[in-house]
Structures are given as structure tokens and as C-alpha cells.
Amino acid sequence: MLLAPGSVPWEVGNALIAGFRRKRLNARQVGDAWAFFERIPLRLLPIAVAKALELAEQIGLYAYDAYILEAVRTRRVPLLTTDKRLRAAAAGLGLEVWEATR
């Protein structure tokens, strides 16, 4: 099971609709992608938003990236990502990072 901040489903939904609006995805692809996402075994975690926002301010990240880092930091689990900037931020905080390949 993967751990993720509670915001992840909203972020995935937002990304899918952004792809639809930019005509990169059609309605069926959005629905199929969401159905696939729902099959991923995720445990959604509550996040101390105030702490995440402080982290975002300190490192210069978007809040949703800081939510992920706050989840990793407080649970003391490795970060799994393909995002180079997020990986670098985590490493800079001394957090363990596992690189996901596409």
C-alpha cells in the first residue's frame, strides 16, 4: 500500500481535467484514467497544512508538493516520485528518495 496526502485524489482529478481542457485527453480517457487511479492501493493521510505551508515558503514549492513532503517527513517513509524538483527538495531536507521510472 502507498501512502499519500489526502489531497492526491483532487490533484489527479485536476490534472485529468487540465488534460481534457487542453484537448490532450477525451472524456473516455479521463474516465478510464480515473478508474485506473481508483484501483491503486492508497492510504490517504491527514497533513498538518500549516507546517506544509511553512515548508513550501522555505523551499519555494507549491503547497501540493509540500503536502507530499510533509507526509514523507512526518511518517519517516521514502518518497517515490518521477518529479525532479520534488526529488531534489526531499534530498535537500535529508529525506529518503526512491526514484520511480516511467
PDB file of N, CA and C in Angstrom:
ATOM      1  N   MET A   1       0.844  -1.180   0.000  1.00  0.00           N
ATOM      2  CA  MET A   1       0.000   0.000   0.000  1.00  0.00           C
ATOM      3  C   MET A   1       0.890   1.244   0.000  1.00  0.00           C
ATOM      4  N   LEU A   2       0.493   2.229  -0.787  1.00  0.00           N
ATOM      5  CA  LEU A   2       1.191   3.508  -0.846  1.00  0.00           C
ATOM      6  C   LEU A   2       0.522   4.510   0.081  1.00  0.00           C
ATOM      7  N   LEU A   3       1.317   5.384   0.655  1.00  0.00           N
ATOM      8  CA  LEU A   3       0.800   6.466   1.489  1.00  0.00           C
ATOM      9  C   LEU A   3       0.810   7.748   0.677  1.00  0.00           C
ATOM     10  N   ALA A   4      -0.196   8.575   0.873  1.00  0.00           N
ATOM     11  CA  ALA A   4      -0.269   9.841   0.140  1.00  0.00           C
ATOM     12  C   ALA A   4      -1.090  10.838   0.954  1.00  0.00           C
ATOM     13  N   PRO A   5      -0.783  12.133   0.797  1.00  0.00           N
ATOM     14  CA  PRO A   5      -1.627  13.118   1.465  1.00  0.00           C
ATOM     15  C   PRO A   5      -3.041  13.063   0.888  1.00  0.00           C
ATOM     16  N   GLY A   6      -3.997  13.460   1.710  1.00  0.00           N
ATOM     17  CA  GLY A   6      -5.400  13.409   1.300  1.00  0.00           C
ATOM     18  C   GLY A   6      -5.725  14.216   0.067  1.00  0.00           C
ATOM     19  N   SER A   7      -4.847  15.131  -0.324  1.00  0.00           N
ATOM     20  CA  SER A   7      -5.085  15.977  -1.494  1.00  0.00           C
ATOM     21  C   SER A   7      -4.830  15.267  -2.824  1.00  0.00           C
ATOM     22  N   VAL A   8      -4.202  14.107  -2.799  1.00  0.00           N
ATOM     23  CA  VAL A   8      -3.791  13.457  -4.053  1.00  0.00           C
ATOM     24  C   VAL A   8      -4.963  13.166  -4.992  1.00  0.00           C
ATOM     25  N   PRO A   9      -6.090  12.634  -4.533  1.00  0.00           N
ATOM     26  CA  PRO A   9      -7.187  12.420  -5.496  1.00  0.00           C
ATOM     27  C   PRO A   9      -7.633  13.717  -6.163  1.00  0.00           C
ATOM     28  N   TRP A  10      -7.656  14.811  -5.432  1.00  0.00           N
ATOM     29  CA  TRP A  10      -8.051  16.100  -6.024  1.00  0.00           C
ATOM     30  C   TRP A  10      -7.026  16.536  -7.062  1.00  0.00           C
ATOM     31  N   GLU A  11      -5.748  16.313  -6.758  1.00  0.00           N
ATOM     32  CA  GLU A  11      -4.697  16.699  -7.699  1.00  0.00           C
ATOM     33  C   GLU A  11      -4.775  15.875  -8.975  1.00  0.00           C
ATOM     34  N   VAL A  12      -5.034  14.585  -8.831  1.00  0.00           N
ATOM     35  CA  VAL A  12      -5.172  13.719 -10.007  1.00  0.00           C
ATOM     36  C   VAL A  12      -6.381  14.158 -10.830  1.00  0.00           C
ATOM     37  N   GLY A  13      -7.495  14.408 -10.161  1.00  0.00           N
ATOM     38  CA  GLY A  13      -8.681  14.886 -10.874  1.00  0.00           C
ATOM     39  C   GLY A  13      -8.419  16.192 -11.602  1.00  0.00           C
ATOM     40  N   ASN A  14      -7.724  17.105 -10.954  1.00  0.00           N
ATOM     41  CA  ASN A  14      -7.391  18.384 -11.576  1.00  0.00           C
ATOM     42  C   ASN A  14      -6.498  18.180 -12.810  1.00  0.00           C
ATOM     43  N   ALA A  15      -5.511  17.301 -12.686  1.00  0.00           N
ATOM     44  CA  ALA A  15      -4.618  17.033 -13.821  1.00  0.00           C
ATOM     45  C   ALA A  15      -5.384  16.418 -14.991  1.00  0.00           C
ATOM     46  N   LEU A  16      -6.318  15.537 -14.693  1.00  0.00           N
ATOM     47  CA  LEU A  16      -7.107  14.923 -15.768  1.00  0.00           C
ATOM     48  C   LEU A  16      -7.966  15.954 -16.484  1.00  0.00           C
ATOM     49  N   ILE A  17      -8.604  16.824 -15.727  1.00  0.00           N
ATOM     50  CA  ILE A  17      -9.428  17.854 -16.363  1.00  0.00           C
ATOM     51  C   ILE A  17      -8.565  18.855 -17.118  1.00  0.00           C
ATOM     52  N   ALA A  18      -7.387  19.160 -16.615  1.00  0.00           N
ATOM     53  CA  ALA A  18      -6.467  20.041 -17.357  1.00  0.00           C
ATOM     54  C   ALA A  18      -6.119  19.406 -18.699  1.00  0.00           C
ATOM     55  N   GLY A  19      -5.861  18.106 -18.701  1.00  0.00           N
ATOM     56  CA  GLY A  19      -5.579  17.409 -19.958  1.00  0.00           C
ATOM     57  C   GLY A  19      -6.760  17.439 -20.905  1.00  0.00           C
ATOM     58  N   PHE A  20      -7.964  17.305 -20.356  1.00  0.00           N
ATOM     59  CA  PHE A  20      -9.176  17.377 -21.166  1.00  0.00           C
ATOM     60  C   PHE A  20      -9.352  18.773 -21.763  1.00  0.00           C
ATOM     61  N   ARG A  21      -9.192  19.795 -20.941  1.00  0.00           N
ATOM     62  CA  ARG A  21      -9.377  21.173 -21.411  1.00  0.00           C
ATOM     63  C   ARG A  21      -8.349  21.549 -22.470  1.00  0.00           C
ATOM     64  N   ARG A  22      -7.147  20.974 -22.378  1.00  0.00           N
ATOM     65  CA  ARG A  22      -6.097  21.252 -23.365  1.00  0.00           C
ATOM     66  C   ARG A  22      -6.199  20.321 -24.573  1.00  0.00           C
ATOM     67  N   LYS A  23      -7.256  19.518 -24.585  1.00  0.00           N
ATOM     68  CA  LYS A  23      -7.535  18.585 -25.678  1.00  0.00           C
ATOM     69  C   LYS A  23      -6.457  17.510 -25.825  1.00  0.00           C
ATOM     70  N   ARG A  24      -5.789  17.178 -24.720  1.00  0.00           N
ATOM     71  CA  ARG A  24      -4.820  16.068 -24.705  1.00  0.00           C
ATOM     72  C   ARG A  24      -5.503  14.761 -24.337  1.00  0.00           C
ATOM     73  N   LEU A  25      -6.662  14.876 -23.679  1.00  0.00           N
ATOM     74  CA  LEU A  25      -7.450  13.711 -23.283  1.00  0.00           C
ATOM     75  C   LEU A  25      -8.897  13.942 -23.696  1.00  0.00           C
ATOM     76  N   ASN A  26      -9.576  12.851 -24.061  1.00  0.00           N
ATOM     77  CA  ASN A  26     -11.012  12.967 -24.296  1.00  0.00           C
ATOM     78  C   ASN A  26     -11.746  12.473 -23.049  1.00  0.00           C
ATOM     79  N   ALA A  27     -13.058  12.595 -23.044  1.00  0.00           N
ATOM     80  CA  ALA A  27     -13.845  12.253 -21.858  1.00  0.00           C
ATOM     81  C   ALA A  27     -13.665  10.789 -21.460  1.00  0.00           C
ATOM     82  N   ARG A  28     -13.608   9.925 -22.427  1.00  0.00           N
ATOM     83  CA  ARG A  28     -13.413   8.496 -22.124  1.00  0.00           C
ATOM     84  C   ARG A  28     -12.060   8.255 -21.474  1.00  0.00           C
ATOM     85  N   GLN A  29     -11.013   8.903 -21.984  1.00  0.00           N
ATOM     86  CA  GLN A  29      -9.683   8.743 -21.395  1.00  0.00           C
ATOM     87  C   GLN A  29      -9.647   9.265 -19.954  1.00  0.00           C
ATOM     88  N   VAL A  30     -10.335  10.367 -19.710  1.00  0.00           N
ATOM     89  CA  VAL A  30     -10.409  10.893 -18.344  1.00  0.00           C
ATOM     90  C   VAL A  30     -11.066   9.860 -17.432  1.00  0.00           C
ATOM     91  N   GLY A  31     -12.185   9.332 -17.861  1.00  0.00           N
ATOM     92  CA  GLY A  31     -12.892   8.320 -17.057  1.00  0.00           C
ATOM     93  C   GLY A  31     -12.066   7.069 -16.843  1.00  0.00           C
ATOM     94  N   ASP A  32     -11.402   6.604 -17.899  1.00  0.00           N
ATOM     95  CA  ASP A  32     -10.561   5.406 -17.788  1.00  0.00           C
ATOM     96  C   ASP A  32      -9.383   5.644 -16.843  1.00  0.00           C
ATOM     97  N   ALA A  33      -8.760   6.812 -16.963  1.00  0.00           N
ATOM     98  CA  ALA A  33      -7.623   7.130 -16.106  1.00  0.00           C
ATOM     99  C   ALA A  33      -8.057   7.203 -14.646  1.00  0.00           C
ATOM    100  N   TRP A  34      -9.216   7.816 -14.392  1.00  0.00           N
ATOM    101  CA  TRP A  34      -9.708   7.907 -13.019  1.00  0.00           C
ATOM    102  C   TRP A  34     -10.020   6.513 -12.460  1.00  0.00           C
ATOM    103  N   ALA A  35     -10.627   5.665 -13.272  1.00  0.00           N
ATOM    104  CA  ALA A  35     -10.923   4.298 -12.838  1.00  0.00           C
ATOM    105  C   ALA A  35      -9.630   3.547 -12.507  1.00  0.00           C
ATOM    106  N   PHE A  36      -8.597   3.751 -13.316  1.00  0.00           N
ATOM    107  CA  PHE A  36      -7.303   3.127 -13.038  1.00  0.00           C
ATOM    108  C   PHE A  36      -6.729   3.661 -11.730  1.00  0.00           C
ATOM    109  N   PHE A  37      -6.780   4.979 -11.540  1.00  0.00           N
ATOM    110  CA  PHE A  37      -6.256   5.587 -10.316  1.00  0.00           C
ATOM    111  C   PHE A  37      -6.953   5.002  -9.090  1.00  0.00           C
ATOM    112  N   GLU A  38      -8.254   4.813  -9.169  1.00  0.00           N
ATOM    113  CA  GLU A  38      -9.004   4.296  -8.024  1.00  0.00           C
ATOM    114  C   GLU A  38      -8.611   2.878  -7.638  1.00  0.00           C
ATOM    115  N   ARG A  39      -7.957   2.158  -8.530  1.00  0.00           N
ATOM    116  CA  ARG A  39      -7.508   0.798  -8.215  1.00  0.00           C
ATOM    117  C   ARG A  39      -6.158   0.784  -7.498  1.00  0.00           C
ATOM    118  N   ILE A  40      -5.479   1.913  -7.445  1.00  0.00           N
ATOM    119  CA  ILE A  40      -4.183   1.981  -6.770  1.00  0.00           C
ATOM    120  C   ILE A  40      -4.430   1.916  -5.260  1.00  0.00           C
ATOM    121  N   PRO A  41      -3.766   0.988  -4.572  1.00  0.00           N
ATOM    122  CA  PRO A  41      -3.984   0.888  -3.121  1.00  0.00           C
ATOM    123  C   PRO A  41      -3.303   2.050  -2.389  1.00  0.00           C
ATOM    124  N   LEU A  42      -4.096   3.058  -2.047  1.00  0.00           N
ATOM    125  CA  LEU A  42      -3.587   4.250  -1.370  1.00  0.00           C
ATOM    126  C   LEU A  42      -4.184   4.365   0.021  1.00  0.00           C
ATOM    127  N   ARG A  43      -3.348   4.756   0.946  1.00  0.00           N
ATOM    128  CA  ARG A  43      -3.838   5.157   2.273  1.00  0.00           C
ATOM    129  C   ARG A  43      -3.660   6.662   2.348  1.00  0.00           C
ATOM    130  N   LEU A  44      -4.761   7.387   2.377  1.00  0.00           N
ATOM    131  CA  LEU A  44      -4.708   8.841   2.387  1.00  0.00           C
ATOM    132  C   LEU A  44      -4.467   9.342   3.804  1.00  0.00           C
ATOM    133  N   LEU A  45      -3.510  10.247   3.923  1.00  0.00           N
ATOM    134  CA  LEU A  45      -3.071  10.730   5.223  1.00  0.00           C
ATOM    135  C   LEU A  45      -3.511  12.164   5.484  1.00  0.00           C
ATOM    136  N   PRO A  46      -3.858  12.456   6.725  1.00  0.00           N
ATOM    137  CA  PRO A  46      -4.084  13.863   7.080  1.00  0.00           C
ATOM    138  C   PRO A  46      -2.726  14.574   7.136  1.00  0.00           C
ATOM    139  N   ILE A  47      -2.721  15.836   6.817  1.00  0.00           N
ATOM    140  CA  ILE A  47      -1.487  16.627   6.776  1.00  0.00           C
ATOM    141  C   ILE A  47      -1.654  17.858   7.660  1.00  0.00           C
ATOM    142  N   ALA A  48      -0.578  18.222   8.347  1.00  0.00           N
ATOM    143  CA  ALA A  48      -0.553  19.484   9.085  1.00  0.00           C
ATOM    144  C   ALA A  48      -0.315  20.584   8.052  1.00  0.00           C
ATOM    145  N   VAL A  49      -1.390  21.180   7.568  1.00  0.00           N
ATOM    146  CA  VAL A  49      -1.309  22.139   6.466  1.00  0.00           C
ATOM    147  C   VAL A  49      -0.425  23.324   6.832  1.00  0.00           C
ATOM    148  N   ALA A  50      -0.530  23.835   8.038  1.00  0.00           N
ATOM    149  CA  ALA A  50       0.298  24.986   8.432  1.00  0.00           C
ATOM    150  C   ALA A  50       1.790  24.660   8.317  1.00  0.00           C
ATOM    151  N   LYS A  51       2.174  23.462   8.735  1.00  0.00           N
ATOM    152  CA  LYS A  51       3.585  23.060   8.621  1.00  0.00           C
ATOM    153  C   LYS A  51       3.989  22.903   7.155  1.00  0.00           C
ATOM    154  N   ALA A  52       3.092  22.344   6.357  1.00  0.00           N
ATOM    155  CA  ALA A  52       3.381  22.175   4.934  1.00  0.00           C
ATOM    156  C   ALA A  52       3.528  23.532   4.251  1.00  0.00           C
ATOM    157  N   LEU A  53       2.694  24.491   4.619  1.00  0.00           N
ATOM    158  CA  LEU A  53       2.794  25.823   4.021  1.00  0.00           C
ATOM    159  C   LEU A  53       4.108  26.499   4.407  1.00  0.00           C
ATOM    160  N   GLU A  54       4.543  26.330   5.644  1.00  0.00           N
ATOM    161  CA  GLU A  54       5.852  26.858   6.052  1.00  0.00           C
ATOM    162  C   GLU A  54       6.958  26.229   5.213  1.00  0.00           C
ATOM    163  N   LEU A  55       6.868  24.928   5.007  1.00  0.00           N
ATOM    164  CA  LEU A  55       7.847  24.219   4.189  1.00  0.00           C
ATOM    165  C   LEU A  55       7.828  24.741   2.756  1.00  0.00           C
ATOM    166  N   ALA A  56       6.647  24.963   2.208  1.00  0.00           N
ATOM    167  CA  ALA A  56       6.525  25.493   0.844  1.00  0.00           C
ATOM    168  C   ALA A  56       7.174  26.868   0.738  1.00  0.00           C
ATOM    169  N   GLU A  57       6.960  27.704   1.759  1.00  0.00           N
ATOM    170  CA  GLU A  57       7.572  29.037   1.768  1.00  0.00           C
ATOM    171  C   GLU A  57       9.087  28.949   1.846  1.00  0.00           C
ATOM    172  N   GLN A  58       9.600  28.074   2.690  1.00  0.00           N
ATOM    173  CA  GLN A  58      11.045  27.933   2.883  1.00  0.00           C
ATOM    174  C   GLN A  58      11.761  27.428   1.631  1.00  0.00           C
ATOM    175  N   ILE A  59      11.139  26.473   0.958  1.00  0.00           N
ATOM    176  CA  ILE A  59      11.818  25.807  -0.162  1.00  0.00           C
ATOM    177  C   ILE A  59      11.396  26.374  -1.508  1.00  0.00           C
ATOM    178  N   GLY A  60      10.298  27.114  -1.550  1.00  0.00           N
ATOM    179  CA  GLY A  60       9.830  27.663  -2.815  1.00  0.00           C
ATOM    180  C   GLY A  60       9.057  26.653  -3.644  1.00  0.00           C
ATOM    181  N   LEU A  61       8.235  25.841  -2.975  1.00  0.00           N
ATOM    182  CA  LEU A  61       7.429  24.831  -3.660  1.00  0.00           C
ATOM    183  C   LEU A  61       5.963  25.251  -3.676  1.00  0.00           C
ATOM    184  N   TYR A  62       5.197  24.590  -4.515  1.00  0.00           N
ATOM    185  CA  TYR A  62       3.750  24.728  -4.445  1.00  0.00           C
ATOM    186  C   TYR A  62       3.270  23.968  -3.218  1.00  0.00           C
ATOM    187  N   ALA A  63       2.129  24.367  -2.694  1.00  0.00           N
ATOM    188  CA  ALA A  63       1.591  23.734  -1.492  1.00  0.00           C
ATOM    189  C   ALA A  63       1.401  22.230  -1.689  1.00  0.00           C
ATOM    190  N   TYR A  64       0.874  21.808  -2.841  1.00  0.00           N
ATOM    191  CA  TYR A  64       0.619  20.382  -3.014  1.00  0.00           C
ATOM    192  C   TYR A  64       1.896  19.559  -2.980  1.00  0.00           C
ATOM    193  N   ASP A  65       3.028  20.113  -3.423  1.00  0.00           N
ATOM    194  CA  ASP A  65       4.308  19.406  -3.288  1.00  0.00           C
ATOM    195  C   ASP A  65       4.736  19.354  -1.824  1.00  0.00           C
ATOM    196  N   ALA A  66       4.500  20.435  -1.107  1.00  0.00           N
ATOM    197  CA  ALA A  66       4.856  20.472   0.313  1.00  0.00           C
ATOM    198  C   ALA A  66       3.989  19.502   1.118  1.00  0.00           C
ATOM    199  N   TYR A  67       2.744  19.282   0.708  1.00  0.00           N
ATOM    200  CA  TYR A  67       1.902  18.299   1.400  1.00  0.00           C
ATOM    201  C   TYR A  67       2.551  16.922   1.311  1.00  0.00           C
ATOM    202  N   ILE A  68       3.059  16.611   0.147  1.00  0.00           N
ATOM    203  CA  ILE A  68       3.721  15.319  -0.047  1.00  0.00           C
ATOM    204  C   ILE A  68       4.964  15.226   0.826  1.00  0.00           C
ATOM    205  N   LEU A  69       5.786  16.260   0.809  1.00  0.00           N
ATOM    206  CA  LEU A  69       6.998  16.239   1.630  1.00  0.00           C
ATOM    207  C   LEU A  69       6.676  16.172   3.119  1.00  0.00           C
ATOM    208  N   GLU A  70       5.637  16.854   3.538  1.00  0.00           N
ATOM    209  CA  GLU A  70       5.238  16.803   4.948  1.00  0.00           C
ATOM    210  C   GLU A  70       4.787  15.398   5.318  1.00  0.00           C
ATOM    211  N   ALA A  71       4.082  14.733   4.434  1.00  0.00           N
ATOM    212  CA  ALA A  71       3.679  13.346   4.692  1.00  0.00           C
ATOM    213  C   ALA A  71       4.898  12.443   4.820  1.00  0.00           C
ATOM    214  N   VAL A  72       5.862  12.611   3.937  1.00  0.00           N
ATOM    215  CA  VAL A  72       7.092  11.808   3.976  1.00  0.00           C
ATOM    216  C   VAL A  72       7.873  12.091   5.260  1.00  0.00           C
ATOM    217  N   ARG A  73       7.995  13.369   5.578  1.00  0.00           N
ATOM    218  CA  ARG A  73       8.781  13.771   6.748  1.00  0.00           C
ATOM    219  C   ARG A  73       8.164  13.252   8.043  1.00  0.00           C
ATOM    220  N   THR A  74       6.868  13.437   8.208  1.00  0.00           N
ATOM    221  CA  THR A  74       6.247  13.050   9.475  1.00  0.00           C
ATOM    222  C   THR A  74       6.097  11.540   9.628  1.00  0.00           C
ATOM    223  N   ARG A  75       5.929  10.814   8.530  1.00  0.00           N
ATOM    224  CA  ARG A  75       5.763   9.353   8.603  1.00  0.00           C
ATOM    225  C   ARG A  75       7.097   8.623   8.508  1.00  0.00           C
ATOM    226  N   ARG A  76       8.164   9.372   8.174  1.00  0.00           N
ATOM    227  CA  ARG A  76       9.513   8.797   8.030  1.00  0.00           C
ATOM    228  C   ARG A  76       9.508   7.616   7.055  1.00  0.00           C
ATOM    229  N   VAL A  77       8.946   7.893   5.877  1.00  0.00           N
ATOM    230  CA  VAL A  77       8.899   6.905   4.801  1.00  0.00           C
ATOM    231  C   VAL A  77       9.600   7.502   3.590  1.00  0.00           C
ATOM    232  N   PRO A  78      10.071   6.672   2.668  1.00  0.00           N
ATOM    233  CA  PRO A  78      10.719   7.212   1.468  1.00  0.00           C
ATOM    234  C   PRO A  78       9.710   7.863   0.521  1.00  0.00           C
ATOM    235  N   LEU A  79      10.200   8.813  -0.233  1.00  0.00           N
ATOM    236  CA  LEU A  79       9.411   9.475  -1.274  1.00  0.00           C
ATOM    237  C   LEU A  79       9.607   8.712  -2.574  1.00  0.00           C
ATOM    238  N   LEU A  80       8.524   8.399  -3.257  1.00  0.00           N
ATOM    239  CA  LEU A  80       8.560   7.761  -4.563  1.00  0.00           C
ATOM    240  C   LEU A  80       7.999   8.765  -5.563  1.00  0.00           C
ATOM    241  N   THR A  81       8.843   9.219  -6.493  1.00  0.00           N
ATOM    242  CA  THR A  81       8.401  10.258  -7.431  1.00  0.00           C
ATOM    243  C   THR A  81       9.202  10.192  -8.729  1.00  0.00           C
ATOM    244  N   THR A  82       8.625  10.760  -9.772  1.00  0.00           N
ATOM    245  CA  THR A  82       9.355  10.983 -11.030  1.00  0.00           C
ATOM    246  C   THR A  82       9.693  12.462 -11.184  1.00  0.00           C
ATOM    247  N   ASP A  83       9.230  13.289 -10.252  1.00  0.00           N
ATOM    248  CA  ASP A  83       9.396  14.740 -10.315  1.00  0.00           C
ATOM    249  C   ASP A  83      10.787  15.138  -9.825  1.00  0.00           C
ATOM    250  N   LYS A  84      11.609  15.665 -10.737  1.00  0.00           N
ATOM    251  CA  LYS A  84      12.996  16.012 -10.396  1.00  0.00           C
ATOM    252  C   LYS A  84      13.079  17.083  -9.318  1.00  0.00           C
ATOM    253  N   ARG A  85      12.238  18.081  -9.408  1.00  0.00           N
ATOM    254  CA  ARG A  85      12.293  19.173  -8.433  1.00  0.00           C
ATOM    255  C   ARG A  85      11.873  18.695  -7.041  1.00  0.00           C
ATOM    256  N   LEU A  86      10.841  17.876  -6.986  1.00  0.00           N
ATOM    257  CA  LEU A  86      10.388  17.333  -5.710  1.00  0.00           C
ATOM    258  C   LEU A  86      11.452  16.409  -5.121  1.00  0.00           C
ATOM    259  N   ARG A  87      12.067  15.613  -5.972  1.00  0.00           N
ATOM    260  CA  ARG A  87      13.145  14.720  -5.535  1.00  0.00           C
ATOM    261  C   ARG A  87      14.296  15.521  -4.942  1.00  0.00           C
ATOM    262  N   ALA A  88      14.681  16.612  -5.611  1.00  0.00           N
ATOM    263  CA  ALA A  88      15.779  17.452  -5.128  1.00  0.00           C
ATOM    264  C   ALA A  88      15.414  18.119  -3.797  1.00  0.00           C
ATOM    265  N   ALA A  89      14.170  18.579  -3.675  1.00  0.00           N
ATOM    266  CA  ALA A  89      13.735  19.217  -2.428  1.00  0.00           C
ATOM    267  C   ALA A  89      13.778  18.211  -1.280  1.00  0.00           C
ATOM    268  N   ALA A  90      13.308  17.010  -1.532  1.00  0.00           N
ATOM    269  CA  ALA A  90      13.323  15.968  -0.496  1.00  0.00           C
ATOM    270  C   ALA A  90      14.750  15.629  -0.088  1.00  0.00           C
ATOM    271  N   ALA A  91      15.614  15.482  -1.063  1.00  0.00           N
ATOM    272  CA  ALA A  91      17.014  15.176  -0.761  1.00  0.00           C
ATOM    273  C   ALA A  91      17.647  16.308   0.048  1.00  0.00           C
ATOM    274  N   GLY A  92      17.313  17.542  -0.299  1.00  0.00           N
ATOM    275  CA  GLY A  92      17.824  18.695   0.431  1.00  0.00           C
ATOM    276  C   GLY A  92      17.368  18.726   1.876  1.00  0.00           C
ATOM    277  N   LEU A  93      16.231  18.098   2.156  1.00  0.00           N
ATOM    278  CA  LEU A  93      15.724  18.007   3.528  1.00  0.00           C
ATOM    279  C   LEU A  93      16.243  16.768   4.248  1.00  0.00           C
ATOM    280  N   GLY A  94      17.061  15.984   3.537  1.00  0.00           N
ATOM    281  CA  GLY A  94      17.599  14.765   4.136  1.00  0.00           C
ATOM    282  C   GLY A  94      16.615  13.617   4.156  1.00  0.00           C
ATOM    283  N   LEU A  95      15.586  13.684   3.316  1.00  0.00           N
ATOM    284  CA  LEU A  95      14.593  12.620   3.254  1.00  0.00           C
ATOM    285  C   LEU A  95      15.042  11.545   2.272  1.00  0.00           C
ATOM    286  N   GLU A  96      14.655  10.328   2.545  1.00  0.00           N
ATOM    287  CA  GLU A  96      14.982   9.219   1.644  1.00  0.00           C
ATOM    288  C   GLU A  96      14.115   9.321   0.383  1.00  0.00           C
ATOM    289  N   VAL A  97      14.732   9.115  -0.755  1.00  0.00           N
ATOM    290  CA  VAL A  97      14.010   9.225  -2.038  1.00  0.00           C
ATOM    291  C   VAL A  97      14.219   7.958  -2.840  1.00  0.00           C
ATOM    292  N   TRP A  98      13.132   7.418  -3.333  1.00  0.00           N
ATOM    293  CA  TRP A  98      13.169   6.307  -4.280  1.00  0.00           C
ATOM    294  C   TRP A  98      12.750   6.860  -5.624  1.00  0.00           C
ATOM    295  N   GLU A  99      13.555   6.633  -6.629  1.00  0.00           N
ATOM    296  CA  GLU A  99      13.224   7.167  -7.951  1.00  0.00           C
ATOM    297  C   GLU A  99      12.313   6.190  -8.685  1.00  0.00           C
ATOM    298  N   ALA A 100      11.208   6.714  -9.151  1.00  0.00           N
ATOM    299  CA  ALA A 100      10.281   5.938  -9.975  1.00  0.00           C
ATOM    300  C   ALA A 100      10.658   6.165 -11.421  1.00  0.00           C
ATOM    301  N   THR A 101      10.681   5.093 -12.195  1.00  0.00           N
ATOM    302  CA  THR A 101      10.971   5.225 -13.620  1.00  0.00           C
ATOM    303  C   THR A 101       9.697   5.021 -14.401  1.00  0.00           C
ATOM    304  N   ARG A 102       9.640   5.632 -15.537  1.00  0.00           N
ATOM    305  CA  ARG A 102       8.436   5.532 -16.372  1.00  0.00           C
ATOM    306  C   ARG A 102       8.519   4.371 -17.297  1.00  0.00           C
TER     307      ARG A 102
END
